[in-house]
N, C-alpha and C. Protein backbone atom coordinates (compact mmCIF):
# COMPACT_ATOMS: atom_id res chain seq x y z
N UNK A 1 0.85 -1.18 0.00
CA UNK A 1 0.00 0.00 0.00
C UNK A 1 0.90 1.24 0.00
N UNK A 2 0.33 2.33 -0.50
CA UNK A 2 1.11 3.56 -0.61
C UNK A 2 1.16 4.36 0.68
N UNK A 3 0.10 4.32 1.47
CA UNK A 3 0.06 5.10 2.70
C UNK A 3 -1.01 4.56 3.64
N UNK A 4 -0.86 4.95 4.89
CA UNK A 4 -1.85 4.67 5.92
C UNK A 4 -2.53 6.00 6.22
N UNK A 5 -3.82 6.04 6.07
CA UNK A 5 -4.61 7.25 6.30
C UNK A 5 -5.39 7.06 7.60
N UNK A 6 -5.09 7.89 8.61
CA UNK A 6 -5.75 7.76 9.90
C UNK A 6 -6.83 8.83 10.02
N UNK A 7 -8.07 8.41 10.12
CA UNK A 7 -9.17 9.37 10.22
C UNK A 7 -9.25 9.94 11.63
N UNK A 8 -9.57 11.22 11.69
CA UNK A 8 -9.56 11.95 12.94
C UNK A 8 -10.64 11.53 13.92
N UNK A 9 -10.40 11.92 15.15
CA UNK A 9 -11.34 11.76 16.26
C UNK A 9 -11.02 12.88 17.24
N UNK A 10 -11.86 13.05 18.21
CA UNK A 10 -11.78 14.22 19.10
C UNK A 10 -10.48 14.33 19.90
N UNK A 11 -10.11 15.58 20.11
CA UNK A 11 -9.11 15.93 21.12
C UNK A 11 -9.90 16.57 22.26
N UNK A 12 -9.78 16.01 23.44
CA UNK A 12 -10.49 16.51 24.61
C UNK A 12 -9.66 17.55 25.33
N UNK A 13 -10.23 18.22 26.30
CA UNK A 13 -9.51 19.25 27.04
C UNK A 13 -8.27 18.71 27.73
N UNK A 14 -8.28 17.42 28.08
CA UNK A 14 -7.12 16.81 28.73
C UNK A 14 -6.26 15.99 27.78
N UNK A 15 -6.50 16.11 26.48
CA UNK A 15 -5.66 15.42 25.49
C UNK A 15 -6.46 14.58 24.52
N UNK A 16 -5.77 13.75 23.75
CA UNK A 16 -6.44 12.92 22.74
C UNK A 16 -7.47 11.98 23.37
N UNK A 17 -8.61 11.86 22.70
CA UNK A 17 -9.66 10.95 23.16
C UNK A 17 -9.19 9.50 23.04
N UNK A 18 -9.84 8.58 23.75
CA UNK A 18 -9.48 7.17 23.60
C UNK A 18 -9.59 6.68 22.15
N UNK A 19 -10.57 7.17 21.42
CA UNK A 19 -10.72 6.78 20.01
C UNK A 19 -9.52 7.24 19.21
N UNK A 20 -9.08 8.47 19.40
CA UNK A 20 -7.91 8.99 18.68
C UNK A 20 -6.67 8.19 19.05
N UNK A 21 -6.49 7.90 20.31
CA UNK A 21 -5.33 7.11 20.75
C UNK A 21 -5.35 5.70 20.14
N UNK A 22 -6.52 5.07 20.14
CA UNK A 22 -6.66 3.71 19.62
C UNK A 22 -6.33 3.67 18.13
N UNK A 23 -6.88 4.60 17.37
CA UNK A 23 -6.62 4.64 15.92
C UNK A 23 -5.14 4.90 15.63
N UNK A 24 -4.57 5.83 16.38
CA UNK A 24 -3.17 6.19 16.14
C UNK A 24 -2.24 5.03 16.49
N UNK A 25 -2.49 4.37 17.60
CA UNK A 25 -1.66 3.21 17.99
C UNK A 25 -1.75 2.12 16.93
N UNK A 26 -2.92 1.91 16.39
CA UNK A 26 -3.10 0.90 15.35
C UNK A 26 -2.32 1.28 14.08
N UNK A 27 -2.37 2.55 13.71
CA UNK A 27 -1.61 3.01 12.55
C UNK A 27 -0.12 2.81 12.76
N UNK A 28 0.37 3.10 13.95
CA UNK A 28 1.80 2.91 14.26
C UNK A 28 2.17 1.43 14.13
N UNK A 29 1.31 0.55 14.61
CA UNK A 29 1.56 -0.89 14.49
C UNK A 29 1.65 -1.31 13.03
N UNK A 30 0.73 -0.81 12.21
CA UNK A 30 0.76 -1.13 10.78
C UNK A 30 2.05 -0.63 10.14
N UNK A 31 2.45 0.59 10.47
CA UNK A 31 3.67 1.16 9.89
C UNK A 31 4.90 0.34 10.30
N UNK A 32 4.99 -0.01 11.58
CA UNK A 32 6.11 -0.82 12.06
C UNK A 32 6.13 -2.19 11.39
N UNK A 33 4.97 -2.70 11.02
CA UNK A 33 4.88 -4.00 10.34
C UNK A 33 5.19 -3.89 8.85
N UNK A 34 5.41 -2.67 8.35
CA UNK A 34 5.75 -2.47 6.95
C UNK A 34 4.56 -2.42 6.01
N UNK A 35 3.38 -2.14 6.53
CA UNK A 35 2.18 -2.11 5.70
C UNK A 35 2.20 -1.00 4.66
N UNK A 36 2.86 0.11 4.97
CA UNK A 36 2.97 1.25 4.05
C UNK A 36 4.10 2.14 4.56
N UNK A 37 4.73 2.91 3.65
CA UNK A 37 5.88 3.73 4.05
C UNK A 37 5.53 5.05 4.73
N UNK A 38 4.29 5.48 4.64
CA UNK A 38 3.94 6.77 5.24
C UNK A 38 2.58 6.70 5.93
N UNK A 39 2.40 7.65 6.85
CA UNK A 39 1.14 7.76 7.59
C UNK A 39 0.64 9.19 7.43
N UNK A 40 -0.64 9.31 7.08
CA UNK A 40 -1.26 10.63 6.98
C UNK A 40 -2.34 10.73 8.05
N UNK A 41 -2.02 11.40 9.18
CA UNK A 41 -3.05 11.65 10.18
C UNK A 41 -3.95 12.79 9.72
N UNK A 42 -5.25 12.61 9.85
CA UNK A 42 -6.21 13.59 9.36
C UNK A 42 -7.03 14.19 10.49
N UNK A 43 -7.28 15.47 10.40
CA UNK A 43 -8.18 16.11 11.33
C UNK A 43 -7.72 17.49 11.73
N UNK A 44 -8.64 18.42 11.63
CA UNK A 44 -8.36 19.80 11.98
C UNK A 44 -8.58 20.08 13.45
N UNK A 45 -8.66 21.36 13.75
CA UNK A 45 -8.86 21.81 15.12
C UNK A 45 -10.33 21.70 15.48
N UNK A 46 -10.59 21.01 16.55
CA UNK A 46 -11.95 20.88 17.06
C UNK A 46 -12.18 21.85 18.20
N UNK A 47 -12.86 21.39 19.21
CA UNK A 47 -13.17 22.24 20.36
C UNK A 47 -11.94 22.57 21.19
N UNK A 48 -10.97 21.65 21.21
CA UNK A 48 -9.76 21.84 22.02
C UNK A 48 -8.52 21.63 21.16
N UNK A 49 -7.49 22.49 21.36
CA UNK A 49 -6.24 22.29 20.64
C UNK A 49 -5.46 21.13 21.24
N UNK A 50 -4.54 20.59 20.47
CA UNK A 50 -4.15 20.94 19.10
C UNK A 50 -5.10 20.29 18.10
N UNK A 51 -4.78 20.44 16.82
CA UNK A 51 -5.57 19.77 15.79
C UNK A 51 -5.48 18.26 16.02
N UNK A 52 -6.45 17.53 15.51
CA UNK A 52 -6.44 16.07 15.63
C UNK A 52 -5.18 15.50 14.99
N UNK A 53 -4.80 16.03 13.82
CA UNK A 53 -3.61 15.55 13.12
C UNK A 53 -2.35 15.81 13.94
N UNK A 54 -2.24 16.98 14.54
CA UNK A 54 -1.06 17.29 15.35
C UNK A 54 -0.99 16.39 16.59
N UNK A 55 -2.12 16.13 17.21
CA UNK A 55 -2.14 15.22 18.35
C UNK A 55 -1.69 13.83 17.94
N UNK A 56 -2.15 13.38 16.77
CA UNK A 56 -1.74 12.06 16.28
C UNK A 56 -0.24 12.04 15.97
N UNK A 57 0.27 13.14 15.42
CA UNK A 57 1.70 13.20 15.11
C UNK A 57 2.52 12.96 16.37
N UNK A 58 2.16 13.61 17.46
CA UNK A 58 2.87 13.42 18.72
C UNK A 58 2.80 11.97 19.18
N UNK A 59 1.60 11.38 19.10
CA UNK A 59 1.44 9.98 19.49
C UNK A 59 2.26 9.05 18.60
N UNK A 60 2.28 9.33 17.30
CA UNK A 60 3.06 8.51 16.37
C UNK A 60 4.55 8.61 16.66
N UNK A 61 5.04 9.81 16.90
CA UNK A 61 6.46 9.98 17.22
C UNK A 61 6.80 9.24 18.51
N UNK A 62 5.92 9.32 19.50
CA UNK A 62 6.14 8.61 20.76
C UNK A 62 6.12 7.09 20.57
N UNK A 63 5.44 6.63 19.52
CA UNK A 63 5.38 5.20 19.22
C UNK A 63 6.53 4.75 18.32
N UNK A 64 7.46 5.66 18.03
CA UNK A 64 8.63 5.29 17.25
C UNK A 64 8.51 5.41 15.75
N UNK A 65 7.46 6.07 15.27
CA UNK A 65 7.31 6.30 13.83
C UNK A 65 8.24 7.44 13.44
N UNK A 66 8.93 7.28 12.35
CA UNK A 66 9.86 8.30 11.86
C UNK A 66 9.11 9.57 11.47
N UNK A 67 9.65 10.72 11.85
CA UNK A 67 9.04 12.01 11.49
C UNK A 67 8.91 12.15 9.99
N UNK A 68 9.85 11.58 9.24
CA UNK A 68 9.83 11.66 7.78
C UNK A 68 8.66 10.89 7.17
N UNK A 69 8.11 9.96 7.93
CA UNK A 69 7.01 9.13 7.41
C UNK A 69 5.64 9.74 7.67
N UNK A 70 5.59 10.85 8.41
CA UNK A 70 4.31 11.45 8.81
C UNK A 70 4.02 12.69 7.98
N UNK A 71 2.86 12.70 7.33
CA UNK A 71 2.41 13.82 6.51
C UNK A 71 1.06 14.28 7.07
N UNK A 72 1.00 15.48 7.61
CA UNK A 72 -0.23 15.95 8.25
C UNK A 72 -1.27 16.50 7.28
N UNK A 73 -2.51 16.16 7.53
CA UNK A 73 -3.66 16.81 6.90
C UNK A 73 -4.44 17.38 8.08
N UNK A 74 -4.31 18.67 8.32
CA UNK A 74 -4.83 19.25 9.55
C UNK A 74 -5.93 20.30 9.35
N UNK A 75 -6.69 20.18 8.27
CA UNK A 75 -7.75 21.14 8.00
C UNK A 75 -9.15 20.54 8.03
N UNK A 76 -9.27 19.24 7.96
CA UNK A 76 -10.57 18.60 7.79
C UNK A 76 -11.36 18.49 9.08
N UNK A 77 -12.68 18.43 8.92
CA UNK A 77 -13.57 18.27 10.08
C UNK A 77 -14.62 17.18 9.88
N UNK A 78 -14.64 16.53 8.72
CA UNK A 78 -15.59 15.45 8.44
C UNK A 78 -14.85 14.30 7.76
N UNK A 79 -15.51 13.17 7.67
CA UNK A 79 -14.93 12.02 6.99
C UNK A 79 -14.63 12.35 5.53
N UNK A 80 -15.57 12.99 4.86
CA UNK A 80 -15.35 13.37 3.47
C UNK A 80 -14.13 14.28 3.35
N UNK A 81 -14.04 15.29 4.19
CA UNK A 81 -12.90 16.20 4.15
C UNK A 81 -11.60 15.48 4.50
N UNK A 82 -11.62 14.57 5.48
CA UNK A 82 -10.42 13.81 5.82
C UNK A 82 -9.82 13.18 4.57
N UNK A 83 -10.65 12.47 3.84
CA UNK A 83 -10.16 11.70 2.69
C UNK A 83 -9.90 12.60 1.50
N UNK A 84 -10.79 13.54 1.24
CA UNK A 84 -10.61 14.45 0.10
C UNK A 84 -9.35 15.30 0.28
N UNK A 85 -9.12 15.84 1.47
CA UNK A 85 -7.95 16.68 1.70
C UNK A 85 -6.65 15.88 1.72
N UNK A 86 -6.73 14.62 2.12
CA UNK A 86 -5.54 13.78 2.15
C UNK A 86 -5.14 13.27 0.77
N UNK A 87 -6.10 13.18 -0.12
CA UNK A 87 -5.83 12.59 -1.44
C UNK A 87 -4.65 13.21 -2.16
N UNK A 88 -4.50 14.55 -2.22
CA UNK A 88 -3.33 15.11 -2.91
C UNK A 88 -2.00 14.83 -2.20
N UNK A 89 -2.07 14.44 -0.94
CA UNK A 89 -0.85 14.14 -0.19
C UNK A 89 -0.39 12.70 -0.38
N UNK A 90 -1.25 11.88 -0.94
CA UNK A 90 -0.94 10.46 -1.11
C UNK A 90 0.08 10.25 -2.23
N UNK A 91 1.07 9.38 -2.01
CA UNK A 91 2.03 9.07 -3.07
C UNK A 91 1.44 8.19 -4.17
N UNK A 92 0.29 7.58 -3.92
CA UNK A 92 -0.38 6.72 -4.88
C UNK A 92 -1.79 6.43 -4.41
N UNK A 93 -2.57 5.70 -5.20
CA UNK A 93 -4.00 5.50 -4.89
C UNK A 93 -4.29 4.38 -3.90
N UNK A 94 -3.28 3.62 -3.50
CA UNK A 94 -3.50 2.46 -2.64
C UNK A 94 -3.32 2.85 -1.18
N UNK A 95 -4.41 2.79 -0.43
CA UNK A 95 -4.39 3.32 0.93
C UNK A 95 -5.08 2.38 1.92
N UNK A 96 -4.50 2.34 3.10
CA UNK A 96 -5.13 1.66 4.24
C UNK A 96 -5.76 2.77 5.07
N UNK A 97 -7.05 2.68 5.28
CA UNK A 97 -7.74 3.66 6.11
C UNK A 97 -7.91 3.08 7.51
N UNK A 98 -7.38 3.80 8.49
CA UNK A 98 -7.53 3.37 9.87
C UNK A 98 -8.67 4.18 10.50
N UNK A 99 -9.67 3.47 10.90
CA UNK A 99 -10.81 4.05 11.61
C UNK A 99 -11.46 2.92 12.40
N UNK A 100 -12.47 3.23 13.16
CA UNK A 100 -13.16 2.19 13.90
C UNK A 100 -14.04 1.37 12.96
N UNK A 101 -14.25 0.11 13.35
CA UNK A 101 -14.98 -0.82 12.49
C UNK A 101 -16.34 -0.28 12.06
N UNK A 102 -17.09 0.29 12.98
CA UNK A 102 -18.43 0.78 12.65
C UNK A 102 -18.40 1.94 11.67
N UNK A 103 -17.28 2.62 11.55
CA UNK A 103 -17.14 3.78 10.67
C UNK A 103 -16.54 3.40 9.31
N UNK A 104 -16.01 2.21 9.21
CA UNK A 104 -15.27 1.78 8.03
C UNK A 104 -16.06 1.78 6.74
N UNK A 105 -17.31 1.36 6.78
CA UNK A 105 -18.10 1.30 5.54
C UNK A 105 -18.28 2.68 4.93
N UNK A 106 -18.52 3.69 5.76
CA UNK A 106 -18.68 5.05 5.24
C UNK A 106 -17.35 5.56 4.69
N UNK A 107 -16.26 5.30 5.38
CA UNK A 107 -14.94 5.73 4.91
C UNK A 107 -14.62 5.09 3.56
N UNK A 108 -14.91 3.81 3.41
CA UNK A 108 -14.68 3.14 2.13
C UNK A 108 -15.55 3.72 1.03
N UNK A 109 -16.79 4.04 1.34
CA UNK A 109 -17.68 4.63 0.35
C UNK A 109 -17.08 5.93 -0.19
N UNK A 110 -16.56 6.76 0.70
CA UNK A 110 -15.96 8.02 0.29
C UNK A 110 -14.69 7.77 -0.51
N UNK A 111 -13.81 6.93 -0.01
CA UNK A 111 -12.54 6.67 -0.68
C UNK A 111 -12.75 6.11 -2.08
N UNK A 112 -13.65 5.19 -2.22
CA UNK A 112 -13.89 4.60 -3.54
C UNK A 112 -14.54 5.60 -4.49
N UNK A 113 -15.39 6.46 -3.95
CA UNK A 113 -15.97 7.52 -4.77
C UNK A 113 -14.87 8.43 -5.31
N UNK A 114 -13.84 8.65 -4.51
CA UNK A 114 -12.72 9.50 -4.91
C UNK A 114 -11.62 8.72 -5.65
N UNK A 115 -11.98 7.53 -6.10
CA UNK A 115 -11.12 6.69 -6.93
C UNK A 115 -9.84 6.22 -6.23
N UNK A 116 -9.96 5.95 -4.97
CA UNK A 116 -8.84 5.37 -4.24
C UNK A 116 -9.06 3.87 -4.10
N UNK A 117 -7.97 3.13 -4.16
CA UNK A 117 -8.00 1.70 -3.90
C UNK A 117 -7.76 1.56 -2.40
N UNK A 118 -8.83 1.44 -1.65
CA UNK A 118 -8.73 1.51 -0.20
C UNK A 118 -9.21 0.24 0.47
N UNK A 119 -8.64 0.00 1.63
CA UNK A 119 -9.14 -1.02 2.53
C UNK A 119 -9.09 -0.44 3.93
N UNK A 120 -9.93 -0.94 4.80
CA UNK A 120 -9.99 -0.45 6.17
C UNK A 120 -9.29 -1.43 7.09
N UNK A 121 -8.56 -0.88 8.03
CA UNK A 121 -7.98 -1.66 9.10
C UNK A 121 -8.41 -0.99 10.40
N UNK A 122 -9.15 -1.72 11.20
CA UNK A 122 -9.72 -1.15 12.42
C UNK A 122 -9.04 -1.73 13.66
N UNK A 123 -8.77 -0.86 14.63
CA UNK A 123 -8.21 -1.37 15.88
C UNK A 123 -9.26 -2.15 16.66
N UNK A 124 -8.79 -3.05 17.47
CA UNK A 124 -9.71 -3.80 18.33
C UNK A 124 -10.15 -2.89 19.48
N UNK A 125 -11.42 -2.98 19.80
CA UNK A 125 -11.94 -2.24 20.94
C UNK A 125 -13.28 -2.84 21.33
N UNK A 126 -13.75 -2.48 22.51
CA UNK A 126 -15.05 -3.02 22.93
C UNK A 126 -16.15 -2.71 21.92
N UNK A 127 -17.16 -3.52 21.92
CA UNK A 127 -18.28 -3.32 21.01
C UNK A 127 -18.82 -1.90 21.16
N UNK A 128 -18.97 -1.17 20.06
CA UNK A 128 -19.43 0.21 20.17
C UNK A 128 -20.88 0.30 20.64
N UNK A 129 -21.21 1.39 21.31
CA UNK A 129 -22.60 1.57 21.75
C UNK A 129 -23.56 1.58 20.54
N UNK A 130 -24.77 1.18 20.78
CA UNK A 130 -25.78 1.13 19.72
C UNK A 130 -25.96 2.50 19.08
N UNK A 131 -25.77 3.58 19.86
CA UNK A 131 -25.93 4.92 19.29
C UNK A 131 -24.91 5.17 18.18
N UNK A 132 -23.70 4.60 18.29
CA UNK A 132 -22.71 4.75 17.22
C UNK A 132 -23.16 4.03 15.96
N UNK A 133 -23.71 2.86 16.14
CA UNK A 133 -24.17 2.07 15.00
C UNK A 133 -25.35 2.75 14.30
N UNK A 134 -26.27 3.29 15.07
CA UNK A 134 -27.42 4.01 14.49
C UNK A 134 -26.93 5.25 13.76
N UNK A 135 -26.04 6.00 14.41
CA UNK A 135 -25.49 7.22 13.80
C UNK A 135 -24.82 6.89 12.47
N UNK A 136 -24.04 5.82 12.43
CA UNK A 136 -23.35 5.45 11.20
C UNK A 136 -24.31 5.03 10.11
N UNK A 137 -25.36 4.33 10.45
CA UNK A 137 -26.35 3.94 9.44
C UNK A 137 -26.96 5.18 8.80
N UNK A 138 -27.33 6.15 9.62
CA UNK A 138 -27.89 7.39 9.11
C UNK A 138 -26.84 8.18 8.32
N UNK A 139 -25.63 8.21 8.82
CA UNK A 139 -24.56 8.94 8.14
C UNK A 139 -24.24 8.33 6.78
N UNK A 140 -24.25 7.00 6.67
CA UNK A 140 -23.99 6.36 5.37
C UNK A 140 -25.07 6.75 4.36
N UNK A 141 -26.31 6.79 4.79
CA UNK A 141 -27.39 7.22 3.90
C UNK A 141 -27.18 8.66 3.45
N UNK A 142 -26.85 9.54 4.38
CA UNK A 142 -26.61 10.94 4.05
C UNK A 142 -25.42 11.09 3.11
N UNK A 143 -24.35 10.34 3.36
CA UNK A 143 -23.18 10.42 2.51
C UNK A 143 -23.45 9.87 1.11
N UNK A 144 -24.24 8.81 1.01
CA UNK A 144 -24.58 8.27 -0.30
C UNK A 144 -25.27 9.35 -1.13
N UNK A 145 -26.17 10.06 -0.51
CA UNK A 145 -26.87 11.15 -1.19
C UNK A 145 -25.90 12.29 -1.55
N UNK A 146 -25.06 12.66 -0.60
CA UNK A 146 -24.10 13.75 -0.81
C UNK A 146 -23.11 13.41 -1.93
N UNK A 147 -22.61 12.19 -1.94
CA UNK A 147 -21.62 11.80 -2.94
C UNK A 147 -22.20 11.75 -4.35
N UNK A 148 -23.50 11.47 -4.45
CA UNK A 148 -24.14 11.49 -5.78
C UNK A 148 -24.02 12.85 -6.43
N UNK A 149 -24.01 13.91 -5.61
CA UNK A 149 -23.94 15.27 -6.13
C UNK A 149 -22.52 15.76 -6.37
N UNK A 150 -21.54 15.02 -5.90
CA UNK A 150 -20.15 15.43 -6.09
C UNK A 150 -19.54 14.72 -7.28
N UNK A 151 -18.62 15.37 -7.92
CA UNK A 151 -17.85 14.72 -8.97
C UNK A 151 -16.85 13.76 -8.35
N UNK A 152 -16.19 13.00 -9.17
CA UNK A 152 -15.22 12.01 -8.69
C UNK A 152 -13.97 12.67 -8.08
N UNK A 153 -13.79 13.94 -8.31
CA UNK A 153 -12.64 14.64 -7.74
C UNK A 153 -12.99 15.30 -6.41
N UNK A 154 -14.21 15.07 -5.93
CA UNK A 154 -14.60 15.55 -4.62
C UNK A 154 -15.21 16.90 -4.66
């Protein structure tokens, strides 16, 4: 694969959320295993600084990922923006998307719409609350509608 794309999650007032930490740790494991030569952490500034991407960069460096392998996408605030903004940073179309399992189908829908050869790799974690699953079902429907109106270049 050409790169590992890590989708953003919240930064809380006391630091990265458990979801952000879990996704970032999983991306570091993939990189150390040689799955791809670079990691693109995605996510802009939310309610609390730093940006999601910057928080992930720190976690990746602490996990032993080379600074040269990290390319930040720090402007996005949605799944669509994560992938669309990261696309020009990718060295090629083959990407591993790191996100939670329940979010993976929507991420793949976006990536494939943008003509990326993508697969999802999700970290292990406890079964997500039913509210996450319901939210994702509704979000996939909304994204399917939204993507119909967008061109293949996003």
